[in-house]
Amino acid sequence: MIVIPVKDGENIERALKRFKRKFEKTGAVKELRNRQAFEKPSVIRRTEIKKAIYIEQLQRSEDI
């Protein structure tokens, strides 16, 4: 469970922003989306390789 201590006189929006940031770091929403449908390990690996190739191409195009 995520606990966010709120100080006296602290703005509620700021505390909410801290909560959202902490919640996103846990990766709960990302894991829920991944578990909605099963993906074979080979497919996961293939998408990771495609992503790495894409990022590398972007970095190379920035260097030029």
PDB file of N, CA and C in Angstrom:
ATOM      1  N   MET A   1       0.842  -1.175   0.000  1.00  0.00           N
ATOM      2  CA  MET A   1       0.000   0.000   0.000  1.00  0.00           C
ATOM      3  C   MET A   1       0.890   1.243   0.000  1.00  0.00           C
ATOM      4  N   ILE A   2       0.499   2.213  -0.780  1.00  0.00           N
ATOM      5  CA  ILE A   2       1.280   3.446  -0.906  1.00  0.00           C
ATOM      6  C   ILE A   2       0.819   4.430   0.162  1.00  0.00           C
ATOM      7  N   VAL A   3       1.769   4.940   0.917  1.00  0.00           N
ATOM      8  CA  VAL A   3       1.470   5.910   1.966  1.00  0.00           C
ATOM      9  C   VAL A   3       2.151   7.222   1.616  1.00  0.00           C
ATOM     10  N   ILE A   4       1.361   8.290   1.581  1.00  0.00           N
ATOM     11  CA  ILE A   4       1.887   9.619   1.297  1.00  0.00           C
ATOM     12  C   ILE A   4       1.612  10.494   2.527  1.00  0.00           C
ATOM     13  N   PRO A   5       2.645  10.819   3.301  1.00  0.00           N
ATOM     14  CA  PRO A   5       2.408  11.705   4.443  1.00  0.00           C
ATOM     15  C   PRO A   5       2.145  13.143   3.978  1.00  0.00           C
ATOM     16  N   VAL A   6       1.038  13.702   4.420  1.00  0.00           N
ATOM     17  CA  VAL A   6       0.672  15.069   4.042  1.00  0.00           C
ATOM     18  C   VAL A   6       0.983  15.980   5.230  1.00  0.00           C
ATOM     19  N   LYS A   7       1.798  16.985   4.981  1.00  0.00           N
ATOM     20  CA  LYS A   7       2.194  17.915   6.036  1.00  0.00           C
ATOM     21  C   LYS A   7       1.095  18.943   6.267  1.00  0.00           C
ATOM     22  N   ASP A   8       1.105  19.552   7.436  1.00  0.00           N
ATOM     23  CA  ASP A   8       0.117  20.587   7.741  1.00  0.00           C
ATOM     24  C   ASP A   8       0.298  21.766   6.800  1.00  0.00           C
ATOM     25  N   GLY A   9      -0.801  22.194   6.207  1.00  0.00           N
ATOM     26  CA  GLY A   9      -0.776  23.337   5.316  1.00  0.00           C
ATOM     27  C   GLY A   9      -0.291  23.011   3.911  1.00  0.00           C
ATOM     28  N   GLU A  10      -0.040  21.714   3.638  1.00  0.00           N
ATOM     29  CA  GLU A  10       0.419  21.344   2.300  1.00  0.00           C
ATOM     30  C   GLU A  10      -0.766  21.311   1.336  1.00  0.00           C
ATOM     31  N   ASN A  11      -0.523  21.764   0.146  1.00  0.00           N
ATOM     32  CA  ASN A  11      -1.549  21.792  -0.883  1.00  0.00           C
ATOM     33  C   ASN A  11      -1.942  20.361  -1.261  1.00  0.00           C
ATOM     34  N   ILE A  12      -3.246  20.092  -1.367  1.00  0.00           N
ATOM     35  CA  ILE A  12      -3.716  18.748  -1.681  1.00  0.00           C
ATOM     36  C   ILE A  12      -3.312  18.333  -3.094  1.00  0.00           C
ATOM     37  N   GLU A  13      -3.232  19.295  -4.012  1.00  0.00           N
ATOM     38  CA  GLU A  13      -2.823  18.972  -5.370  1.00  0.00           C
ATOM     39  C   GLU A  13      -1.384  18.460  -5.406  1.00  0.00           C
ATOM     40  N   ARG A  14      -0.531  19.053  -4.592  1.00  0.00           N
ATOM     41  CA  ARG A  14       0.870  18.623  -4.539  1.00  0.00           C
ATOM     42  C   ARG A  14       0.981  17.207  -3.969  1.00  0.00           C
ATOM     43  N   ALA A  15       0.188  16.920  -2.939  1.00  0.00           N
ATOM     44  CA  ALA A  15       0.202  15.575  -2.359  1.00  0.00           C
ATOM     45  C   ALA A  15      -0.340  14.560  -3.361  1.00  0.00           C
ATOM     46  N   LEU A  16      -1.364  14.942  -4.100  1.00  0.00           N
ATOM     47  CA  LEU A  16      -1.929  14.056  -5.107  1.00  0.00           C
ATOM     48  C   LEU A  16      -0.919  13.787  -6.221  1.00  0.00           C
ATOM     49  N   LYS A  17      -0.169  14.813  -6.586  1.00  0.00           N
ATOM     50  CA  LYS A  17       0.854  14.668  -7.616  1.00  0.00           C
ATOM     51  C   LYS A  17       1.944  13.706  -7.146  1.00  0.00           C
ATOM     52  N   ARG A  18       2.338  13.800  -5.872  1.00  0.00           N
ATOM     53  CA  ARG A  18       3.332  12.879  -5.311  1.00  0.00           C
ATOM     54  C   ARG A  18       2.803  11.446  -5.319  1.00  0.00           C
ATOM     55  N   PHE A  19       1.515  11.300  -4.990  1.00  0.00           N
ATOM     56  CA  PHE A  19       0.898   9.974  -4.988  1.00  0.00           C
ATOM     57  C   PHE A  19       0.906   9.369  -6.381  1.00  0.00           C
ATOM     58  N   LYS A  20       0.509  10.167  -7.376  1.00  0.00           N
ATOM     59  CA  LYS A  20       0.453   9.665  -8.750  1.00  0.00           C
ATOM     60  C   LYS A  20       1.834   9.243  -9.231  1.00  0.00           C
ATOM     61  N   ARG A  21       2.848  10.040  -8.896  1.00  0.00           N
ATOM     62  CA  ARG A  21       4.219   9.732  -9.312  1.00  0.00           C
ATOM     63  C   ARG A  21       4.690   8.427  -8.667  1.00  0.00           C
ATOM     64  N   LYS A  22       4.391   8.272  -7.371  1.00  0.00           N
ATOM     65  CA  LYS A  22       4.802   7.074  -6.659  1.00  0.00           C
ATOM     66  C   LYS A  22       4.073   5.842  -7.198  1.00  0.00           C
ATOM     67  N   PHE A  23       2.781   6.025  -7.515  1.00  0.00           N
ATOM     68  CA  PHE A  23       1.976   4.926  -8.041  1.00  0.00           C
ATOM     69  C   PHE A  23       2.483   4.489  -9.408  1.00  0.00           C
ATOM     70  N   GLU A  24       2.880   5.438 -10.231  1.00  0.00           N
ATOM     71  CA  GLU A  24       3.371   5.109 -11.564  1.00  0.00           C
ATOM     72  C   GLU A  24       4.692   4.355 -11.483  1.00  0.00           C
ATOM     73  N   LYS A  25       5.528   4.678 -10.497  1.00  0.00           N
ATOM     74  CA  LYS A  25       6.808   4.001 -10.341  1.00  0.00           C
ATOM     75  C   LYS A  25       6.634   2.534  -9.965  1.00  0.00           C
ATOM     76  N   THR A  26       5.506   2.186  -9.327  1.00  0.00           N
ATOM     77  CA  THR A  26       5.280   0.790  -8.958  1.00  0.00           C
ATOM     78  C   THR A  26       5.031  -0.067 -10.189  1.00  0.00           C
ATOM     79  N   GLY A  27       4.486   0.529 -11.258  1.00  0.00           N
ATOM     80  CA  GLY A  27       4.245  -0.202 -12.493  1.00  0.00           C
ATOM     81  C   GLY A  27       3.002  -1.060 -12.456  1.00  0.00           C
ATOM     82  N   ALA A  28       2.066  -0.757 -11.573  1.00  0.00           N
ATOM     83  CA  ALA A  28       0.855  -1.566 -11.425  1.00  0.00           C
ATOM     84  C   ALA A  28      -0.025  -1.509 -12.663  1.00  0.00           C
ATOM     85  N   VAL A  29      -0.222  -0.335 -13.220  1.00  0.00           N
ATOM     86  CA  VAL A  29      -1.089  -0.187 -14.394  1.00  0.00           C
ATOM     87  C   VAL A  29      -0.456  -0.883 -15.596  1.00  0.00           C
ATOM     88  N   LYS A  30       0.848  -0.748 -15.734  1.00  0.00           N
ATOM     89  CA  LYS A  30       1.547  -1.373 -16.852  1.00  0.00           C
ATOM     90  C   LYS A  30       1.418  -2.895 -16.780  1.00  0.00           C
ATOM     91  N   GLU A  31       1.548  -3.436 -15.582  1.00  0.00           N
ATOM     92  CA  GLU A  31       1.426  -4.883 -15.414  1.00  0.00           C
ATOM     93  C   GLU A  31       0.004  -5.352 -15.681  1.00  0.00           C
ATOM     94  N   LEU A  32      -0.989  -4.585 -15.259  1.00  0.00           N
ATOM     95  CA  LEU A  32      -2.371  -4.949 -15.542  1.00  0.00           C
ATOM     96  C   LEU A  32      -2.633  -5.019 -17.039  1.00  0.00           C
ATOM     97  N   ARG A  33      -2.120  -4.061 -17.768  1.00  0.00           N
ATOM     98  CA  ARG A  33      -2.305  -4.057 -19.222  1.00  0.00           C
ATOM     99  C   ARG A  33      -1.611  -5.257 -19.866  1.00  0.00           C
ATOM    100  N   ASN A  34      -0.431  -5.614 -19.351  1.00  0.00           N
ATOM    101  CA  ASN A  34       0.287  -6.762 -19.901  1.00  0.00           C
ATOM    102  C   ASN A  34      -0.447  -8.069 -19.628  1.00  0.00           C
ATOM    103  N   ARG A  35      -1.142  -8.156 -18.514  1.00  0.00           N
ATOM    104  CA  ARG A  35      -1.821  -9.388 -18.136  1.00  0.00           C
ATOM    105  C   ARG A  35      -3.195  -9.551 -18.778  1.00  0.00           C
ATOM    106  N   GLN A  36      -3.677  -8.546 -19.477  1.00  0.00           N
ATOM    107  CA  GLN A  36      -4.994  -8.652 -20.101  1.00  0.00           C
ATOM    108  C   GLN A  36      -5.015  -9.747 -21.151  1.00  0.00           C
ATOM    109  N   ALA A  37      -3.935  -9.916 -21.875  1.00  0.00           N
ATOM    110  CA  ALA A  37      -3.858 -10.950 -22.904  1.00  0.00           C
ATOM    111  C   ALA A  37      -2.475 -11.578 -22.839  1.00  0.00           C
ATOM    112  N   PHE A  38      -2.435 -12.896 -22.951  1.00  0.00           N
ATOM    113  CA  PHE A  38      -1.158 -13.607 -22.890  1.00  0.00           C
ATOM    114  C   PHE A  38      -0.375 -13.396 -24.173  1.00  0.00           C
ATOM    115  N   GLU A  39       0.908 -13.155 -24.004  1.00  0.00           N
ATOM    116  CA  GLU A  39       1.812 -13.022 -25.139  1.00  0.00           C
ATOM    117  C   GLU A  39       2.929 -14.045 -24.987  1.00  0.00           C
ATOM    118  N   LYS A  40       3.201 -14.748 -26.062  1.00  0.00           N
ATOM    119  CA  LYS A  40       4.254 -15.751 -26.015  1.00  0.00           C
ATOM    120  C   LYS A  40       5.607 -15.074 -25.790  1.00  0.00           C
ATOM    121  N   PRO A  41       6.504 -15.748 -25.074  1.00  0.00           N
ATOM    122  CA  PRO A  41       7.823 -15.160 -24.828  1.00  0.00           C
ATOM    123  C   PRO A  41       8.566 -14.801 -26.111  1.00  0.00           C
ATOM    124  N   SER A  42       8.389 -15.593 -27.165  1.00  0.00           N
ATOM    125  CA  SER A  42       9.074 -15.289 -28.424  1.00  0.00           C
ATOM    126  C   SER A  42       8.556 -13.989 -29.026  1.00  0.00           C
ATOM    127  N   VAL A  43       7.263 -13.726 -28.875  1.00  0.00           N
ATOM    128  CA  VAL A  43       6.681 -12.486 -29.397  1.00  0.00           C
ATOM    129  C   VAL A  43       7.185 -11.297 -28.587  1.00  0.00           C
ATOM    130  N   ILE A  44       7.272 -11.474 -27.284  1.00  0.00           N
ATOM    131  CA  ILE A  44       7.780 -10.399 -26.410  1.00  0.00           C
ATOM    132  C   ILE A  44       9.212 -10.058 -26.804  1.00  0.00           C
ATOM    133  N   ARG A  45      10.031 -11.092 -27.003  1.00  0.00           N
ATOM    134  CA  ARG A  45      11.424 -10.877 -27.392  1.00  0.00           C
ATOM    135  C   ARG A  45      11.522 -10.153 -28.727  1.00  0.00           C
ATOM    136  N   ARG A  46      10.682 -10.570 -29.674  1.00  0.00           N
ATOM    137  CA  ARG A  46      10.694  -9.956 -31.004  1.00  0.00           C
ATOM    138  C   ARG A  46      10.348  -8.475 -30.930  1.00  0.00           C
ATOM    139  N   THR A  47       9.331  -8.125 -30.132  1.00  0.00           N
ATOM    140  CA  THR A  47       8.953  -6.708 -30.018  1.00  0.00           C
ATOM    141  C   THR A  47      10.056  -5.899 -29.330  1.00  0.00           C
ATOM    142  N   GLU A  48      10.736  -6.498 -28.347  1.00  0.00           N
ATOM    143  CA  GLU A  48      11.836  -5.798 -27.681  1.00  0.00           C
ATOM    144  C   GLU A  48      12.978  -5.525 -28.662  1.00  0.00           C
ATOM    145  N   ILE A  49      13.266  -6.499 -29.521  1.00  0.00           N
ATOM    146  CA  ILE A  49      14.336  -6.322 -30.508  1.00  0.00           C
ATOM    147  C   ILE A  49      13.961  -5.236 -31.508  1.00  0.00           C
ATOM    148  N   LYS A  50      12.695  -5.241 -31.964  1.00  0.00           N
ATOM    149  CA  LYS A  50      12.238  -4.198 -32.887  1.00  0.00           C
ATOM    150  C   LYS A  50      12.324  -2.817 -32.252  1.00  0.00           C
ATOM    151  N   LYS A  51      11.968  -2.742 -30.982  1.00  0.00           N
ATOM    152  CA  LYS A  51      12.022  -1.468 -30.262  1.00  0.00           C
ATOM    153  C   LYS A  51      13.467  -0.986 -30.157  1.00  0.00           C
ATOM    154  N   ALA A  52      14.389  -1.903 -29.840  1.00  0.00           N
ATOM    155  CA  ALA A  52      15.800  -1.541 -29.714  1.00  0.00           C
ATOM    156  C   ALA A  52      16.358  -1.064 -31.047  1.00  0.00           C
ATOM    157  N   ILE A  53      15.963  -1.720 -32.138  1.00  0.00           N
ATOM    158  CA  ILE A  53      16.426  -1.307 -33.464  1.00  0.00           C
ATOM    159  C   ILE A  53      15.912   0.092 -33.788  1.00  0.00           C
ATOM    160  N   TYR A  54      14.649   0.338 -33.479  1.00  0.00           N
ATOM    161  CA  TYR A  54      14.047   1.653 -33.738  1.00  0.00           C
ATOM    162  C   TYR A  54      14.762   2.752 -32.960  1.00  0.00           C
ATOM    163  N   ILE A  55      15.017   2.509 -31.694  1.00  0.00           N
ATOM    164  CA  ILE A  55      15.686   3.508 -30.848  1.00  0.00           C
ATOM    165  C   ILE A  55      17.106   3.756 -31.354  1.00  0.00           C
ATOM    166  N   GLU A  56      17.794   2.684 -31.757  1.00  0.00           N
ATOM    167  CA  GLU A  56      19.153   2.844 -32.264  1.00  0.00           C
ATOM    168  C   GLU A  56      19.169   3.668 -33.543  1.00  0.00           C
ATOM    169  N   GLN A  57      18.194   3.443 -34.415  1.00  0.00           N
ATOM    170  CA  GLN A  57      18.107   4.220 -35.646  1.00  0.00           C
ATOM    171  C   GLN A  57      17.834   5.694 -35.343  1.00  0.00           C
ATOM    172  N   LEU A  58      16.998   5.956 -34.364  1.00  0.00           N
ATOM    173  CA  LEU A  58      16.730   7.342 -33.977  1.00  0.00           C
ATOM    174  C   LEU A  58      17.996   8.026 -33.478  1.00  0.00           C
ATOM    175  N   GLN A  59      18.757   7.314 -32.643  1.00  0.00           N
ATOM    176  CA  GLN A  59      19.975   7.880 -32.094  1.00  0.00           C
ATOM    177  C   GLN A  59      21.017   8.133 -33.193  1.00  0.00           C
ATOM    178  N   ARG A  60      21.089   7.217 -34.149  1.00  0.00           N
ATOM    179  CA  ARG A  60      22.045   7.402 -35.243  1.00  0.00           C
ATOM    180  C   ARG A  60      21.657   8.580 -36.115  1.00  0.00           C
ATOM    181  N   SER A  61      20.349   8.778 -36.334  1.00  0.00           N
ATOM    182  CA  SER A  61      19.910   9.899 -37.172  1.00  0.00           C
ATOM    183  C   SER A  61      20.156  11.239 -36.474  1.00  0.00           C
ATOM    184  N   GLU A  62      20.137  11.253 -35.134  1.00  0.00           N
ATOM    185  CA  GLU A  62      20.434  12.475 -34.396  1.00  0.00           C
ATOM    186  C   GLU A  62      21.912  12.820 -34.481  1.00  0.00           C
ATOM    187  N   ASP A  63      22.766  11.805 -34.547  1.00  0.00           N
ATOM    188  CA  ASP A  63      24.218  12.036 -34.606  1.00  0.00           C
ATOM    189  C   ASP A  63      24.641  12.654 -35.928  1.00  0.00           C
ATOM    190  N   ILE A  64      23.931  12.359 -36.976  1.00  0.00           N
ATOM    191  CA  ILE A  64      24.319  12.839 -38.313  1.00  0.00           C
ATOM    192  C   ILE A  64      24.086  14.313 -38.466  1.00  0.00           C
TER     193      ILE A  64
END
